[in-house]
Protein backbone atom coordinates (compact mmCIF):
# COMPACT_ATOMS: atom_id res chain seq x y z
CA UNK A 1 0.00 0.00 0.00
CA UNK A 2 1.21 3.42 -0.82
CA UNK A 3 1.50 6.25 1.60
CA UNK A 4 -1.40 8.07 -0.08
CA UNK A 5 -3.70 5.04 0.35
CA UNK A 6 -2.91 4.78 4.05
CA UNK A 7 -3.55 8.52 4.42
CA UNK A 8 -6.91 8.24 2.59
CA UNK A 9 -7.99 5.29 4.74
CA UNK A 10 -7.08 7.20 7.88
CA UNK A 11 -9.17 10.18 6.74
CA UNK A 12 -12.08 7.91 5.83
CA UNK A 13 -12.00 6.27 9.25
CA UNK A 14 -11.83 9.70 10.91
CA UNK A 15 -14.89 10.86 8.96
CA UNK A 16 -16.82 7.70 9.83
CA UNK A 17 -15.89 8.09 13.49
CA UNK A 18 -16.97 11.75 13.46
CA UNK A 19 -20.31 10.80 11.89
CA UNK A 20 -20.99 7.97 14.33
CA UNK A 21 -19.90 9.77 17.53
CA UNK A 22 -22.70 12.40 17.61
CA UNK A 23 -25.33 9.76 16.87
CA UNK A 24 -24.03 7.58 19.70
CA UNK A 25 -23.89 10.55 22.06
CA UNK A 26 -27.43 11.53 21.10
CA UNK A 27 -28.73 8.00 21.71
CA UNK A 28 -26.89 7.84 25.04
CA UNK A 29 -28.39 11.08 26.33
CA UNK A 30 -31.86 10.65 24.85
CA UNK A 31 -34.57 12.57 26.67
CA UNK A 32 -38.31 12.13 26.59
CA UNK A 33 -40.64 14.98 25.70
CA UNK A 34 -41.89 17.10 28.58
CA UNK A 35 -45.47 16.47 27.43
CA UNK A 36 -45.15 12.83 28.51
CA UNK A 37 -44.24 13.83 32.06
CA UNK A 38 -47.01 16.43 32.22
CA UNK A 39 -49.60 13.88 31.09
CA UNK A 40 -48.38 11.39 33.70
CA UNK A 41 -48.49 14.05 36.42
CA UNK A 42 -52.03 14.91 35.38
CA UNK A 43 -53.07 11.24 35.57
CA UNK A 44 -51.42 10.91 38.99
CA UNK A 45 -53.36 13.96 40.16
CA UNK A 46 -56.64 12.52 38.84
CA UNK A 47 -56.00 9.12 40.45
CA UNK A 48 -55.05 10.75 43.77
CA UNK A 49 -58.23 12.83 43.64
CA UNK A 50 -60.29 9.68 43.01
CA UNK A 51 -58.57 7.97 45.94
CA UNK A 52 -59.40 10.95 48.16
CA UNK A 53 -63.03 10.95 46.95
CA UNK A 54 -63.41 7.34 48.11
CA UNK A 55 -62.90 8.57 51.68
CA UNK A 56 -64.83 11.79 51.12
CA UNK A 57 -67.98 9.94 50.04
CA UNK A 58 -67.64 7.55 52.97
CA UNK A 59 -67.50 4.28 51.09
CA UNK A 60 -67.00 1.25 53.35
CA UNK A 61 -66.20 -2.41 53.13
CA UNK A 62 -64.84 -4.28 50.17
CA UNK A 63 -65.72 -1.57 47.65
CA UNK A 64 -63.65 1.00 49.55
CA UNK A 65 -60.60 -1.21 49.82
CA UNK A 66 -60.80 -2.46 46.24
CA UNK A 67 -61.03 1.11 44.90
CA UNK A 68 -58.16 2.32 47.07
CA UNK A 69 -55.99 -0.63 46.01
CA UNK A 70 -56.92 -0.13 42.35
CA UNK A 71 -55.94 3.53 42.42
CA UNK A 72 -52.76 2.69 44.31
CA UNK A 73 -51.70 0.05 41.78
CA UNK A 74 -52.47 2.35 38.84
CA UNK A 75 -50.40 5.17 40.35
CA UNK A 76 -47.52 2.82 41.15
CA UNK A 77 -47.63 1.43 37.61
CA UNK A 78 -47.43 4.91 36.10
CA UNK A 79 -44.55 5.88 38.34
CA UNK A 80 -42.59 2.70 37.63
CA UNK A 81 -43.26 2.81 33.88
CA UNK A 82 -42.43 6.46 33.23
CA UNK A 83 -40.38 7.97 36.05
CA UNK A 84 -38.31 4.82 36.63
CA UNK A 85 -38.06 4.32 32.84
CA UNK A 86 -39.31 0.73 33.02
CA UNK A 87 -41.37 1.23 29.84
CA UNK A 88 -38.16 1.58 27.84
CA UNK A 89 -36.22 -1.29 29.41
CA UNK A 90 -35.72 -4.71 27.92
CA UNK A 91 -38.50 -7.18 28.60
CA UNK A 92 -36.21 -9.54 30.54
CA UNK A 93 -35.26 -6.78 32.99
CA UNK A 94 -38.88 -5.75 33.40
CA UNK A 95 -39.84 -9.35 34.17
CA UNK A 96 -36.95 -9.68 36.65
CA UNK A 97 -38.17 -6.63 38.55
CA UNK A 98 -41.95 -7.00 38.27
CA UNK A 99 -42.54 -10.74 38.61
CA UNK A 100 -41.34 -11.22 42.23
CA UNK A 101 -43.86 -8.72 43.70
CA UNK A 102 -46.62 -10.29 41.59
CA UNK A 103 -45.65 -13.73 42.92
CA UNK A 104 -45.74 -12.39 46.50
CA UNK A 105 -49.26 -11.01 45.89
CA UNK A 106 -50.41 -14.37 44.53
CA UNK A 107 -49.02 -16.22 47.55
CA UNK A 108 -50.57 -13.73 49.98
CA UNK A 109 -53.93 -14.19 48.23
CA UNK A 110 -53.61 -17.95 48.60
CA UNK A 111 -52.86 -17.54 52.32
CA UNK A 112 -55.90 -15.27 52.77
CA UNK A 113 -58.14 -17.84 51.12
CA UNK A 114 -56.67 -20.57 53.30
CA UNK A 115 -57.19 -18.52 56.46
CA UNK A 116 -60.84 -17.93 55.58
CA UNK A 117 -61.30 -21.67 55.04
CA UNK A 118 -59.66 -22.47 58.37
CA UNK A 119 -61.77 -19.86 60.15
CA UNK A 120 -64.94 -21.32 58.63
CA UNK A 121 -64.00 -24.83 59.79
CA UNK A 122 -63.33 -23.61 63.34
CA UNK A 123 -66.71 -21.88 63.50
CA UNK A 124 -68.56 -24.93 62.11
CA UNK A 125 -66.89 -27.66 64.12
CA UNK A 126 -65.77 -26.01 67.33
CA UNK A 127 -68.39 -23.24 67.59
CA UNK A 128 -65.77 -20.62 68.36
CA UNK A 129 -66.54 -17.34 66.61
CA UNK A 130 -63.00 -16.01 66.87
C-alpha atoms as a PDB file:
ATOM      1  CA  UNK A   1       0.000   0.000   0.000  1.00  0.00           C
ATOM      2  CA  UNK A   2       1.209   3.415  -0.816  1.00  0.00           C
ATOM      3  CA  UNK A   3       1.498   6.246   1.602  1.00  0.00           C
ATOM      4  CA  UNK A   4      -1.398   8.074  -0.078  1.00  0.00           C
ATOM      5  CA  UNK A   5      -3.700   5.039   0.354  1.00  0.00           C
ATOM      6  CA  UNK A   6      -2.911   4.781   4.048  1.00  0.00           C
ATOM      7  CA  UNK A   7      -3.551   8.517   4.421  1.00  0.00           C
ATOM      8  CA  UNK A   8      -6.911   8.242   2.594  1.00  0.00           C
ATOM      9  CA  UNK A   9      -7.991   5.287   4.742  1.00  0.00           C
ATOM     10  CA  UNK A  10      -7.077   7.203   7.881  1.00  0.00           C
ATOM     11  CA  UNK A  11      -9.166  10.179   6.744  1.00  0.00           C
ATOM     12  CA  UNK A  12     -12.078   7.907   5.829  1.00  0.00           C
ATOM     13  CA  UNK A  13     -12.002   6.270   9.247  1.00  0.00           C
ATOM     14  CA  UNK A  14     -11.835   9.696  10.905  1.00  0.00           C
ATOM     15  CA  UNK A  15     -14.895  10.860   8.957  1.00  0.00           C
ATOM     16  CA  UNK A  16     -16.820   7.695   9.829  1.00  0.00           C
ATOM     17  CA  UNK A  17     -15.885   8.088  13.493  1.00  0.00           C
ATOM     18  CA  UNK A  18     -16.970  11.746  13.459  1.00  0.00           C
ATOM     19  CA  UNK A  19     -20.311  10.797  11.892  1.00  0.00           C
ATOM     20  CA  UNK A  20     -20.990   7.970  14.333  1.00  0.00           C
ATOM     21  CA  UNK A  21     -19.903   9.768  17.531  1.00  0.00           C
ATOM     22  CA  UNK A  22     -22.696  12.398  17.611  1.00  0.00           C
ATOM     23  CA  UNK A  23     -25.327   9.756  16.866  1.00  0.00           C
ATOM     24  CA  UNK A  24     -24.033   7.578  19.705  1.00  0.00           C
ATOM     25  CA  UNK A  25     -23.885  10.549  22.062  1.00  0.00           C
ATOM     26  CA  UNK A  26     -27.430  11.527  21.105  1.00  0.00           C
ATOM     27  CA  UNK A  27     -28.726   7.998  21.712  1.00  0.00           C
ATOM     28  CA  UNK A  28     -26.890   7.844  25.037  1.00  0.00           C
ATOM     29  CA  UNK A  29     -28.389  11.080  26.331  1.00  0.00           C
ATOM     30  CA  UNK A  30     -31.859  10.652  24.854  1.00  0.00           C
ATOM     31  CA  UNK A  31     -34.568  12.573  26.669  1.00  0.00           C
ATOM     32  CA  UNK A  32     -38.311  12.134  26.589  1.00  0.00           C
ATOM     33  CA  UNK A  33     -40.642  14.983  25.701  1.00  0.00           C
ATOM     34  CA  UNK A  34     -41.891  17.096  28.580  1.00  0.00           C
ATOM     35  CA  UNK A  35     -45.469  16.471  27.426  1.00  0.00           C
ATOM     36  CA  UNK A  36     -45.149  12.829  28.514  1.00  0.00           C
ATOM     37  CA  UNK A  37     -44.244  13.830  32.062  1.00  0.00           C
ATOM     38  CA  UNK A  38     -47.014  16.434  32.224  1.00  0.00           C
ATOM     39  CA  UNK A  39     -49.598  13.884  31.091  1.00  0.00           C
ATOM     40  CA  UNK A  40     -48.381  11.387  33.699  1.00  0.00           C
ATOM     41  CA  UNK A  41     -48.486  14.055  36.420  1.00  0.00           C
ATOM     42  CA  UNK A  42     -52.032  14.915  35.378  1.00  0.00           C
ATOM     43  CA  UNK A  43     -53.075  11.238  35.574  1.00  0.00           C
ATOM     44  CA  UNK A  44     -51.424  10.912  38.985  1.00  0.00           C
ATOM     45  CA  UNK A  45     -53.359  13.964  40.162  1.00  0.00           C
ATOM     46  CA  UNK A  46     -56.641  12.518  38.837  1.00  0.00           C
ATOM     47  CA  UNK A  47     -56.002   9.121  40.453  1.00  0.00           C
ATOM     48  CA  UNK A  48     -55.050  10.749  43.766  1.00  0.00           C
ATOM     49  CA  UNK A  49     -58.226  12.825  43.635  1.00  0.00           C
ATOM     50  CA  UNK A  50     -60.286   9.682  43.014  1.00  0.00           C
ATOM     51  CA  UNK A  51     -58.574   7.973  45.943  1.00  0.00           C
ATOM     52  CA  UNK A  52     -59.403  10.953  48.156  1.00  0.00           C
ATOM     53  CA  UNK A  53     -63.026  10.949  46.954  1.00  0.00           C
ATOM     54  CA  UNK A  54     -63.411   7.345  48.106  1.00  0.00           C
ATOM     55  CA  UNK A  55     -62.897   8.566  51.678  1.00  0.00           C
ATOM     56  CA  UNK A  56     -64.834  11.786  51.117  1.00  0.00           C
ATOM     57  CA  UNK A  57     -67.976   9.937  50.043  1.00  0.00           C
ATOM     58  CA  UNK A  58     -67.641   7.553  52.970  1.00  0.00           C
ATOM     59  CA  UNK A  59     -67.500   4.275  51.094  1.00  0.00           C
ATOM     60  CA  UNK A  60     -67.005   1.250  53.349  1.00  0.00           C
ATOM     61  CA  UNK A  61     -66.199  -2.411  53.135  1.00  0.00           C
ATOM     62  CA  UNK A  62     -64.844  -4.284  50.170  1.00  0.00           C
ATOM     63  CA  UNK A  63     -65.721  -1.568  47.654  1.00  0.00           C
ATOM     64  CA  UNK A  64     -63.648   1.000  49.552  1.00  0.00           C
ATOM     65  CA  UNK A  65     -60.605  -1.211  49.821  1.00  0.00           C
ATOM     66  CA  UNK A  66     -60.800  -2.462  46.244  1.00  0.00           C
ATOM     67  CA  UNK A  67     -61.029   1.106  44.904  1.00  0.00           C
ATOM     68  CA  UNK A  68     -58.158   2.319  47.073  1.00  0.00           C
ATOM     69  CA  UNK A  69     -55.990  -0.627  46.010  1.00  0.00           C
ATOM     70  CA  UNK A  70     -56.921  -0.133  42.347  1.00  0.00           C
ATOM     71  CA  UNK A  71     -55.942   3.533  42.417  1.00  0.00           C
ATOM     72  CA  UNK A  72     -52.759   2.688  44.313  1.00  0.00           C
ATOM     73  CA  UNK A  73     -51.701   0.050  41.778  1.00  0.00           C
ATOM     74  CA  UNK A  74     -52.467   2.350  38.844  1.00  0.00           C
ATOM     75  CA  UNK A  75     -50.404   5.167  40.353  1.00  0.00           C
ATOM     76  CA  UNK A  76     -47.525   2.817  41.155  1.00  0.00           C
ATOM     77  CA  UNK A  77     -47.628   1.430  37.611  1.00  0.00           C
ATOM     78  CA  UNK A  78     -47.427   4.908  36.095  1.00  0.00           C
ATOM     79  CA  UNK A  79     -44.545   5.879  38.344  1.00  0.00           C
ATOM     80  CA  UNK A  80     -42.590   2.696  37.627  1.00  0.00           C
ATOM     81  CA  UNK A  81     -43.255   2.806  33.882  1.00  0.00           C
ATOM     82  CA  UNK A  82     -42.431   6.456  33.232  1.00  0.00           C
ATOM     83  CA  UNK A  83     -40.384   7.968  36.055  1.00  0.00           C
ATOM     84  CA  UNK A  84     -38.309   4.825  36.630  1.00  0.00           C
ATOM     85  CA  UNK A  85     -38.062   4.316  32.838  1.00  0.00           C
ATOM     86  CA  UNK A  86     -39.311   0.731  33.020  1.00  0.00           C
ATOM     87  CA  UNK A  87     -41.372   1.235  29.844  1.00  0.00           C
ATOM     88  CA  UNK A  88     -38.157   1.582  27.842  1.00  0.00           C
ATOM     89  CA  UNK A  89     -36.217  -1.287  29.413  1.00  0.00           C
ATOM     90  CA  UNK A  90     -35.719  -4.712  27.920  1.00  0.00           C
ATOM     91  CA  UNK A  91     -38.498  -7.176  28.602  1.00  0.00           C
ATOM     92  CA  UNK A  92     -36.208  -9.541  30.545  1.00  0.00           C
ATOM     93  CA  UNK A  93     -35.263  -6.785  32.985  1.00  0.00           C
ATOM     94  CA  UNK A  94     -38.882  -5.751  33.396  1.00  0.00           C
ATOM     95  CA  UNK A  95     -39.836  -9.354  34.175  1.00  0.00           C
ATOM     96  CA  UNK A  96     -36.951  -9.677  36.647  1.00  0.00           C
ATOM     97  CA  UNK A  97     -38.171  -6.630  38.555  1.00  0.00           C
ATOM     98  CA  UNK A  98     -41.947  -6.995  38.274  1.00  0.00           C
ATOM     99  CA  UNK A  99     -42.541 -10.743  38.608  1.00  0.00           C
ATOM    100  CA  UNK A 100     -41.341 -11.221  42.231  1.00  0.00           C
ATOM    101  CA  UNK A 101     -43.862  -8.719  43.695  1.00  0.00           C
ATOM    102  CA  UNK A 102     -46.620 -10.294  41.593  1.00  0.00           C
ATOM    103  CA  UNK A 103     -45.647 -13.730  42.923  1.00  0.00           C
ATOM    104  CA  UNK A 104     -45.743 -12.390  46.498  1.00  0.00           C
ATOM    105  CA  UNK A 105     -49.261 -11.013  45.891  1.00  0.00           C
ATOM    106  CA  UNK A 106     -50.407 -14.372  44.529  1.00  0.00           C
ATOM    107  CA  UNK A 107     -49.022 -16.221  47.545  1.00  0.00           C
ATOM    108  CA  UNK A 108     -50.573 -13.729  49.979  1.00  0.00           C
ATOM    109  CA  UNK A 109     -53.927 -14.191  48.230  1.00  0.00           C
ATOM    110  CA  UNK A 110     -53.606 -17.950  48.598  1.00  0.00           C
ATOM    111  CA  UNK A 111     -52.863 -17.537  52.316  1.00  0.00           C
ATOM    112  CA  UNK A 112     -55.897 -15.267  52.769  1.00  0.00           C
ATOM    113  CA  UNK A 113     -58.140 -17.838  51.122  1.00  0.00           C
ATOM    114  CA  UNK A 114     -56.669 -20.573  53.305  1.00  0.00           C
ATOM    115  CA  UNK A 115     -57.189 -18.520  56.457  1.00  0.00           C
ATOM    116  CA  UNK A 116     -60.843 -17.932  55.583  1.00  0.00           C
ATOM    117  CA  UNK A 117     -61.300 -21.670  55.035  1.00  0.00           C
ATOM    118  CA  UNK A 118     -59.658 -22.469  58.366  1.00  0.00           C
ATOM    119  CA  UNK A 119     -61.775 -19.857  60.152  1.00  0.00           C
ATOM    120  CA  UNK A 120     -64.935 -21.320  58.631  1.00  0.00           C
ATOM    121  CA  UNK A 121     -64.002 -24.828  59.792  1.00  0.00           C
ATOM    122  CA  UNK A 122     -63.331 -23.614  63.342  1.00  0.00           C
ATOM    123  CA  UNK A 123     -66.705 -21.883  63.497  1.00  0.00           C
ATOM    124  CA  UNK A 124     -68.558 -24.929  62.111  1.00  0.00           C
ATOM    125  CA  UNK A 125     -66.893 -27.656  64.117  1.00  0.00           C
ATOM    126  CA  UNK A 126     -65.766 -26.007  67.326  1.00  0.00           C
ATOM    127  CA  UNK A 127     -68.387 -23.239  67.594  1.00  0.00           C
ATOM    128  CA  UNK A 128     -65.767 -20.619  68.358  1.00  0.00           C
ATOM    129  CA  UNK A 129     -66.537 -17.343  66.612  1.00  0.00           C
ATOM    130  CA  UNK A 130     -63.000 -16.007  66.873  1.00  0.00           C
END
